Amino acid sequence: MEGGCILLGISYDTGLPDKWGALRGVDLQGLFLGYNNKSFIDSFNLTTKSWFIRYLFKRTRGWGKWNSMLYTYLFIILWHGVLPGYWLAFLFEIPVISAEKQLGRVISHYFRALV
């Protein structure tokens, strides 16, 4: 689909660095060469993710970062369906990313000494 949209010219956007990525769904380089869980999540479903960030996450930001993130994930879960696998997958992203950040803060100074 992405190639067809490029050939039709409907994915052209002058604000993007590659100019043809307006309807791009996956960043393959970030998906396969990502170094952490957040880079994997950030490189998948690009246009849908930007819509959720723009219209849900930023508009609920006044409720606090964690509440905003929780409400955004709950909407994404309902968007995909009510099967329990979606609930588990999306709700486990929040603690995995936060644990990854905390662990990175704890052990990063060991790796900086090696460089």
C-alpha atoms as a PDB file:
ATOM      1  CA  MET A   1       0.000   0.000   0.000  1.00  0.00           C
ATOM      2  CA  GLU A   2       2.799   2.373   0.858  1.00  0.00           C
ATOM      3  CA  GLY A   3       4.400   1.949  -2.571  1.00  0.00           C
ATOM      4  CA  GLY A   4       1.069   2.516  -4.307  1.00  0.00           C
ATOM      5  CA  CYS A   5       0.506   5.737  -2.379  1.00  0.00           C
ATOM      6  CA  ILE A   6       3.974   6.934  -3.354  1.00  0.00           C
ATOM      7  CA  LEU A   7       3.316   6.151  -7.023  1.00  0.00           C
ATOM      8  CA  LEU A   8       0.001   8.040  -6.903  1.00  0.00           C
ATOM      9  CA  GLY A   9       1.689  10.999  -5.245  1.00  0.00           C
ATOM     10  CA  ILE A  10      -0.651  11.183  -2.250  1.00  0.00           C
ATOM     11  CA  SER A  11       2.113  10.583   0.296  1.00  0.00           C
ATOM     12  CA  TYR A  12       4.152  13.656  -0.686  1.00  0.00           C
ATOM     13  CA  ASP A  13       4.796  16.074   2.182  1.00  0.00           C
ATOM     14  CA  THR A  14       7.262  18.952   1.948  1.00  0.00           C
ATOM     15  CA  GLY A  15       7.649  19.096   5.742  1.00  0.00           C
ATOM     16  CA  LEU A  16       9.320  15.680   5.944  1.00  0.00           C
ATOM     17  CA  PRO A  17      13.029  15.085   5.285  1.00  0.00           C
ATOM     18  CA  ASP A  18      12.431  12.338   2.698  1.00  0.00           C
ATOM     19  CA  LYS A  19       9.375  14.157   1.218  1.00  0.00           C
ATOM     20  CA  TRP A  20       7.540  10.886   0.429  1.00  0.00           C
ATOM     21  CA  GLY A  21       6.840   9.561   3.899  1.00  0.00           C
ATOM     22  CA  ALA A  22       3.471  11.125   4.749  1.00  0.00           C
ATOM     23  CA  LEU A  23       1.727   7.742   4.782  1.00  0.00           C
ATOM     24  CA  ARG A  24       4.671   5.677   5.981  1.00  0.00           C
ATOM     25  CA  GLY A  25       3.651   3.099   8.547  1.00  0.00           C
ATOM     26  CA  VAL A  26       6.956   1.528   9.610  1.00  0.00           C
ATOM     27  CA  ASP A  27      10.510   2.782   9.934  1.00  0.00           C
ATOM     28  CA  LEU A  28      12.371  -0.425   9.031  1.00  0.00           C
ATOM     29  CA  GLN A  29      15.770   0.799  10.151  1.00  0.00           C
ATOM     30  CA  GLY A  30      14.486   1.736  13.600  1.00  0.00           C
ATOM     31  CA  LEU A  31      12.422  -1.439  13.826  1.00  0.00           C
ATOM     32  CA  PHE A  32      15.247  -3.870  13.119  1.00  0.00           C
ATOM     33  CA  LEU A  33      18.236  -1.903  14.408  1.00  0.00           C
ATOM     34  CA  GLY A  34      16.672  -0.306  17.475  1.00  0.00           C
ATOM     35  CA  TYR A  35      18.727  -0.519  20.631  1.00  0.00           C
ATOM     36  CA  ASN A  36      15.893  -0.469  23.171  1.00  0.00           C
ATOM     37  CA  ASN A  37      12.201  -1.194  23.542  1.00  0.00           C
ATOM     38  CA  LYS A  38      11.172   2.443  23.077  1.00  0.00           C
ATOM     39  CA  SER A  39      12.931   2.698  19.712  1.00  0.00           C
ATOM     40  CA  PHE A  40      11.079  -0.445  18.607  1.00  0.00           C
ATOM     41  CA  ILE A  41       7.725   1.033  19.631  1.00  0.00           C
ATOM     42  CA  ASP A  42       8.571   4.429  18.102  1.00  0.00           C
ATOM     43  CA  SER A  43       9.307   2.921  14.690  1.00  0.00           C
ATOM     44  CA  PHE A  44       6.009   1.040  14.263  1.00  0.00           C
ATOM     45  CA  ASN A  45       2.609   2.465  13.185  1.00  0.00           C
ATOM     46  CA  LEU A  46       4.033   5.940  12.552  1.00  0.00           C
ATOM     47  CA  THR A  47       0.997   7.800  11.213  1.00  0.00           C
ATOM     48  CA  THR A  48      -1.435   6.258  13.696  1.00  0.00           C
ATOM     49  CA  LYS A  49       0.961   6.955  16.562  1.00  0.00           C
ATOM     50  CA  SER A  50       1.337  10.594  15.519  1.00  0.00           C
ATOM     51  CA  TRP A  51      -2.461  10.938  15.423  1.00  0.00           C
ATOM     52  CA  PHE A  52      -2.777   9.498  18.944  1.00  0.00           C
ATOM     53  CA  ILE A  53      -0.026  11.778  20.242  1.00  0.00           C
ATOM     54  CA  ARG A  54      -1.512  14.875  18.638  1.00  0.00           C
ATOM     55  CA  TYR A  55      -5.188  14.349  19.455  1.00  0.00           C
ATOM     56  CA  LEU A  56      -5.160  12.307  22.673  1.00  0.00           C
ATOM     57  CA  PHE A  57      -1.878  12.486  24.556  1.00  0.00           C
ATOM     58  CA  LYS A  58      -1.244  16.227  24.183  1.00  0.00           C
ATOM     59  CA  ARG A  59      -4.852  17.164  24.873  1.00  0.00           C
ATOM     60  CA  THR A  60      -4.920  15.180  28.117  1.00  0.00           C
ATOM     61  CA  ARG A  61      -1.469  16.360  29.225  1.00  0.00           C
ATOM     62  CA  GLY A  62      -3.013  18.607  31.888  1.00  0.00           C
ATOM     63  CA  TRP A  63      -4.114  15.487  33.769  1.00  0.00           C
ATOM     64  CA  GLY A  64      -0.498  14.480  34.386  1.00  0.00           C
ATOM     65  CA  LYS A  65       1.934  12.558  32.201  1.00  0.00           C
ATOM     66  CA  TRP A  66       1.084   9.103  33.545  1.00  0.00           C
ATOM     67  CA  ASN A  67      -2.674   9.666  33.408  1.00  0.00           C
ATOM     68  CA  SER A  68      -2.358  10.996  29.893  1.00  0.00           C
ATOM     69  CA  MET A  69      -0.320   7.970  28.863  1.00  0.00           C
ATOM     70  CA  LEU A  70      -2.775   5.602  30.536  1.00  0.00           C
ATOM     71  CA  TYR A  71      -5.816   7.162  28.850  1.00  0.00           C
ATOM     72  CA  THR A  72      -4.064   7.106  25.489  1.00  0.00           C
ATOM     73  CA  TYR A  73      -3.195   3.420  25.877  1.00  0.00           C
ATOM     74  CA  LEU A  74      -6.753   2.619  26.979  1.00  0.00           C
ATOM     75  CA  PHE A  75      -8.087   4.293  23.844  1.00  0.00           C
ATOM     76  CA  ILE A  76      -5.576   2.372  21.704  1.00  0.00           C
ATOM     77  CA  ILE A  77      -6.697  -0.882  23.335  1.00  0.00           C
ATOM     78  CA  LEU A  78     -10.346  -0.127  22.616  1.00  0.00           C
ATOM     79  CA  TRP A  79      -9.361   0.889  19.086  1.00  0.00           C
ATOM     80  CA  HIS A  80      -7.873  -2.573  18.476  1.00  0.00           C
ATOM     81  CA  GLY A  81     -10.568  -4.577  20.254  1.00  0.00           C
ATOM     82  CA  VAL A  82     -11.460  -5.954  23.628  1.00  0.00           C
ATOM     83  CA  LEU A  83      -9.551  -9.233  23.499  1.00  0.00           C
ATOM     84  CA  PRO A  84      -7.330  -9.778  26.568  1.00  0.00           C
ATOM     85  CA  GLY A  85      -4.135 -10.091  24.515  1.00  0.00           C
ATOM     86  CA  TYR A  86      -4.406  -6.454  23.442  1.00  0.00           C
ATOM     87  CA  TRP A  87      -4.907  -5.360  27.044  1.00  0.00           C
ATOM     88  CA  LEU A  88      -1.838  -7.270  28.217  1.00  0.00           C
ATOM     89  CA  ALA A  89       0.389  -6.164  25.337  1.00  0.00           C
ATOM     90  CA  PHE A  90      -0.398  -2.470  25.568  1.00  0.00           C
ATOM     91  CA  LEU A  91      -0.577  -2.204  29.349  1.00  0.00           C
ATOM     92  CA  PHE A  92       2.792  -3.938  29.735  1.00  0.00           C
ATOM     93  CA  GLU A  93       4.433  -1.344  27.486  1.00  0.00           C
ATOM     94  CA  ILE A  94       4.173   1.311  30.211  1.00  0.00           C
ATOM     95  CA  PRO A  95       6.062  -0.576  32.960  1.00  0.00           C
ATOM     96  CA  VAL A  96       8.578  -2.018  30.487  1.00  0.00           C
ATOM     97  CA  ILE A  97       9.520   1.420  29.146  1.00  0.00           C
ATOM     98  CA  SER A  98       9.673   2.992  32.615  1.00  0.00           C
ATOM     99  CA  ALA A  99      11.795   0.094  33.972  1.00  0.00           C
ATOM    100  CA  GLU A 100      14.070   0.388  30.964  1.00  0.00           C
ATOM    101  CA  LYS A 101      14.582   4.109  31.644  1.00  0.00           C
ATOM    102  CA  GLN A 102      15.314   3.532  35.321  1.00  0.00           C
ATOM    103  CA  LEU A 103      17.711   0.674  34.602  1.00  0.00           C
ATOM    104  CA  GLY A 104      19.429   2.803  31.971  1.00  0.00           C
ATOM    105  CA  ARG A 105      19.993   5.566  34.524  1.00  0.00           C
ATOM    106  CA  VAL A 106      21.470   3.099  37.005  1.00  0.00           C
ATOM    107  CA  ILE A 107      23.900   1.295  34.688  1.00  0.00           C
ATOM    108  CA  SER A 108      24.679   3.957  32.085  1.00  0.00           C
ATOM    109  CA  HIS A 109      27.664   5.367  33.972  1.00  0.00           C
ATOM    110  CA  TYR A 110      29.369   1.947  33.783  1.00  0.00           C
ATOM    111  CA  PHE A 111      29.186   2.012  29.999  1.00  0.00           C
ATOM    112  CA  ARG A 112      30.243   5.651  29.702  1.00  0.00           C
ATOM    113  CA  ALA A 113      33.494   4.766  31.477  1.00  0.00           C
ATOM    114  CA  LEU A 114      34.286   2.251  28.713  1.00  0.00           C
ATOM    115  CA  VAL A 115      34.141   4.817  25.925  1.00  0.00           C
END
